[in-house]
Amino acid sequence: MASAPDADEALFDQFLDDRGHGVSDEDWETSYNKKQCPDCGALHDESAVDCSVCGWDPRV
């Protein structure tokens, strides 16, 4: 769930966020010229599509 374009969706996003649910799409972080997994912090080449350490996948 991404940021909400109208008030009702914003209220729902806030409800979810208050209860510990993610409301924004997670993506790779960057560290120098590498992709960094937001879950475990492992570094990968730019061509990586999922984390080979913990299995995190931004497409899921």
N, C-alpha and C. Protein backbone atom coordinates (compact mmCIF):
# COMPACT_ATOMS: atom_id res chain seq x y z
N MET A 1 0.85 -1.17 0.00
CA MET A 1 0.00 0.00 0.00
C MET A 1 0.89 1.23 0.00
N ALA A 2 0.62 2.13 -0.88
CA ALA A 2 1.42 3.34 -0.98
C ALA A 2 0.68 4.50 -0.34
N SER A 3 1.28 5.69 -0.45
CA SER A 3 0.63 6.85 0.12
C SER A 3 -0.73 7.09 -0.53
N ALA A 4 -1.65 7.59 0.24
CA ALA A 4 -3.04 7.70 -0.19
C ALA A 4 -3.31 9.02 -0.90
N PRO A 5 -4.06 8.98 -2.02
CA PRO A 5 -4.38 10.20 -2.73
C PRO A 5 -5.58 10.95 -2.15
N ASP A 6 -6.45 10.30 -1.37
CA ASP A 6 -7.59 11.02 -0.79
C ASP A 6 -7.67 10.79 0.71
N ALA A 7 -8.54 11.54 1.37
CA ALA A 7 -8.62 11.54 2.83
C ALA A 7 -8.99 10.18 3.41
N ASP A 8 -9.94 9.47 2.78
CA ASP A 8 -10.36 8.17 3.29
C ASP A 8 -9.21 7.17 3.27
N GLU A 9 -8.47 7.15 2.18
CA GLU A 9 -7.33 6.23 2.08
C GLU A 9 -6.22 6.64 3.04
N ALA A 10 -6.02 7.94 3.23
CA ALA A 10 -5.01 8.41 4.18
C ALA A 10 -5.37 7.97 5.59
N LEU A 11 -6.64 8.04 5.94
CA LEU A 11 -7.09 7.60 7.25
C LEU A 11 -6.86 6.10 7.43
N PHE A 12 -7.15 5.32 6.38
CA PHE A 12 -6.92 3.87 6.42
C PHE A 12 -5.44 3.56 6.54
N ASP A 13 -4.60 4.27 5.78
CA ASP A 13 -3.15 4.08 5.88
C ASP A 13 -2.66 4.39 7.29
N GLN A 14 -3.18 5.44 7.91
CA GLN A 14 -2.79 5.79 9.28
C GLN A 14 -3.21 4.70 10.25
N PHE A 15 -4.42 4.15 10.07
CA PHE A 15 -4.92 3.05 10.89
C PHE A 15 -3.98 1.86 10.82
N LEU A 16 -3.57 1.48 9.61
CA LEU A 16 -2.65 0.36 9.43
C LEU A 16 -1.29 0.65 10.04
N ASP A 17 -0.78 1.84 9.79
CA ASP A 17 0.53 2.23 10.30
C ASP A 17 0.56 2.21 11.83
N ASP A 18 -0.50 2.68 12.46
CA ASP A 18 -0.59 2.69 13.92
C ASP A 18 -0.53 1.29 14.51
N ARG A 19 -0.93 0.30 13.72
CA ARG A 19 -0.97 -1.08 14.20
C ARG A 19 0.21 -1.92 13.70
N GLY A 20 1.22 -1.23 13.18
CA GLY A 20 2.45 -1.92 12.81
C GLY A 20 2.51 -2.50 11.42
N HIS A 21 1.55 -2.16 10.57
CA HIS A 21 1.56 -2.66 9.19
C HIS A 21 2.25 -1.65 8.28
N GLY A 22 3.06 -2.14 7.35
CA GLY A 22 3.71 -1.25 6.40
C GLY A 22 2.72 -0.70 5.41
N VAL A 23 2.80 0.59 5.14
CA VAL A 23 1.89 1.21 4.18
C VAL A 23 2.61 1.78 2.97
N SER A 24 3.91 1.62 2.92
CA SER A 24 4.66 2.10 1.76
C SER A 24 5.43 0.93 1.16
N ASP A 25 5.66 1.03 -0.12
CA ASP A 25 6.41 -0.02 -0.80
C ASP A 25 7.87 0.06 -0.41
N GLU A 26 8.42 -1.06 0.04
CA GLU A 26 9.84 -1.11 0.38
C GLU A 26 10.65 -1.38 -0.87
N ASP A 27 11.80 -0.78 -0.94
CA ASP A 27 12.69 -0.98 -2.07
C ASP A 27 14.11 -1.07 -1.55
N TRP A 28 15.02 -1.42 -2.43
CA TRP A 28 16.43 -1.51 -2.07
C TRP A 28 16.93 -0.18 -1.55
N GLU A 29 17.82 -0.23 -0.59
CA GLU A 29 18.58 0.94 -0.17
C GLU A 29 19.87 0.92 -0.97
N THR A 30 20.64 1.98 -0.96
CA THR A 30 21.90 1.99 -1.68
C THR A 30 23.04 2.30 -0.73
N SER A 31 24.17 1.66 -0.99
CA SER A 31 25.38 1.89 -0.23
C SER A 31 26.53 1.88 -1.22
N TYR A 32 27.08 3.04 -1.47
CA TYR A 32 28.09 3.22 -2.49
C TYR A 32 27.51 2.78 -3.84
N ASN A 33 28.08 1.81 -4.50
CA ASN A 33 27.56 1.37 -5.79
C ASN A 33 26.86 0.02 -5.67
N LYS A 34 26.38 -0.31 -4.50
CA LYS A 34 25.72 -1.60 -4.25
C LYS A 34 24.29 -1.39 -3.79
N LYS A 35 23.46 -2.42 -4.00
CA LYS A 35 22.12 -2.45 -3.42
C LYS A 35 22.24 -3.03 -2.03
N GLN A 36 21.48 -2.48 -1.09
CA GLN A 36 21.50 -2.98 0.28
C GLN A 36 20.10 -3.42 0.68
N CYS A 37 20.00 -4.64 1.19
CA CYS A 37 18.73 -5.20 1.61
C CYS A 37 18.20 -4.43 2.83
N PRO A 38 16.95 -3.96 2.78
CA PRO A 38 16.41 -3.23 3.93
C PRO A 38 16.10 -4.12 5.13
N ASP A 39 16.01 -5.44 4.92
CA ASP A 39 15.72 -6.35 6.03
C ASP A 39 16.96 -6.75 6.81
N CYS A 40 18.00 -7.22 6.09
CA CYS A 40 19.17 -7.75 6.80
C CYS A 40 20.44 -6.92 6.59
N GLY A 41 20.42 -5.99 5.64
CA GLY A 41 21.58 -5.13 5.42
C GLY A 41 22.64 -5.70 4.50
N ALA A 42 22.39 -6.88 3.91
CA ALA A 42 23.37 -7.49 3.01
C ALA A 42 23.54 -6.65 1.75
N LEU A 43 24.76 -6.62 1.23
CA LEU A 43 25.06 -5.86 0.02
C LEU A 43 25.05 -6.77 -1.20
N HIS A 44 24.53 -6.25 -2.32
CA HIS A 44 24.43 -7.01 -3.56
C HIS A 44 24.80 -6.14 -4.74
N ASP A 45 25.15 -6.78 -5.86
CA ASP A 45 25.41 -6.06 -7.10
C ASP A 45 24.14 -5.39 -7.58
N GLU A 46 24.29 -4.40 -8.46
CA GLU A 46 23.14 -3.65 -9.00
C GLU A 46 22.17 -4.56 -9.75
N SER A 47 22.62 -5.71 -10.23
CA SER A 47 21.76 -6.60 -11.00
C SER A 47 20.88 -7.51 -10.13
N ALA A 48 21.06 -7.48 -8.82
CA ALA A 48 20.30 -8.36 -7.92
C ALA A 48 18.81 -8.04 -7.97
N VAL A 49 17.99 -9.09 -7.93
CA VAL A 49 16.54 -8.90 -7.90
C VAL A 49 15.94 -9.32 -6.56
N ASP A 50 16.69 -10.13 -5.79
CA ASP A 50 16.27 -10.50 -4.44
C ASP A 50 17.51 -10.69 -3.58
N CYS A 51 17.30 -10.75 -2.27
CA CYS A 51 18.43 -10.89 -1.34
C CYS A 51 18.82 -12.36 -1.24
N SER A 52 20.06 -12.65 -1.54
CA SER A 52 20.54 -14.04 -1.47
C SER A 52 20.84 -14.47 -0.04
N VAL A 53 20.82 -13.54 0.91
CA VAL A 53 21.08 -13.87 2.30
C VAL A 53 19.80 -14.22 3.05
N CYS A 54 18.80 -13.32 3.01
CA CYS A 54 17.57 -13.56 3.77
C CYS A 54 16.35 -13.86 2.91
N GLY A 55 16.50 -13.72 1.58
CA GLY A 55 15.40 -14.03 0.68
C GLY A 55 14.42 -12.90 0.43
N TRP A 56 14.68 -11.69 0.96
CA TRP A 56 13.78 -10.55 0.76
C TRP A 56 13.67 -10.25 -0.73
N ASP A 57 12.46 -9.94 -1.18
CA ASP A 57 12.21 -9.65 -2.59
C ASP A 57 11.27 -8.45 -2.68
N PRO A 58 11.69 -7.35 -3.30
CA PRO A 58 10.85 -6.16 -3.36
C PRO A 58 9.62 -6.34 -4.24
N ARG A 59 9.59 -7.38 -5.04
CA ARG A 59 8.46 -7.61 -5.94
C ARG A 59 7.30 -8.32 -5.24
N VAL A 60 7.55 -8.82 -4.02
CA VAL A 60 6.51 -9.57 -3.31
C VAL A 60 5.70 -8.66 -2.44
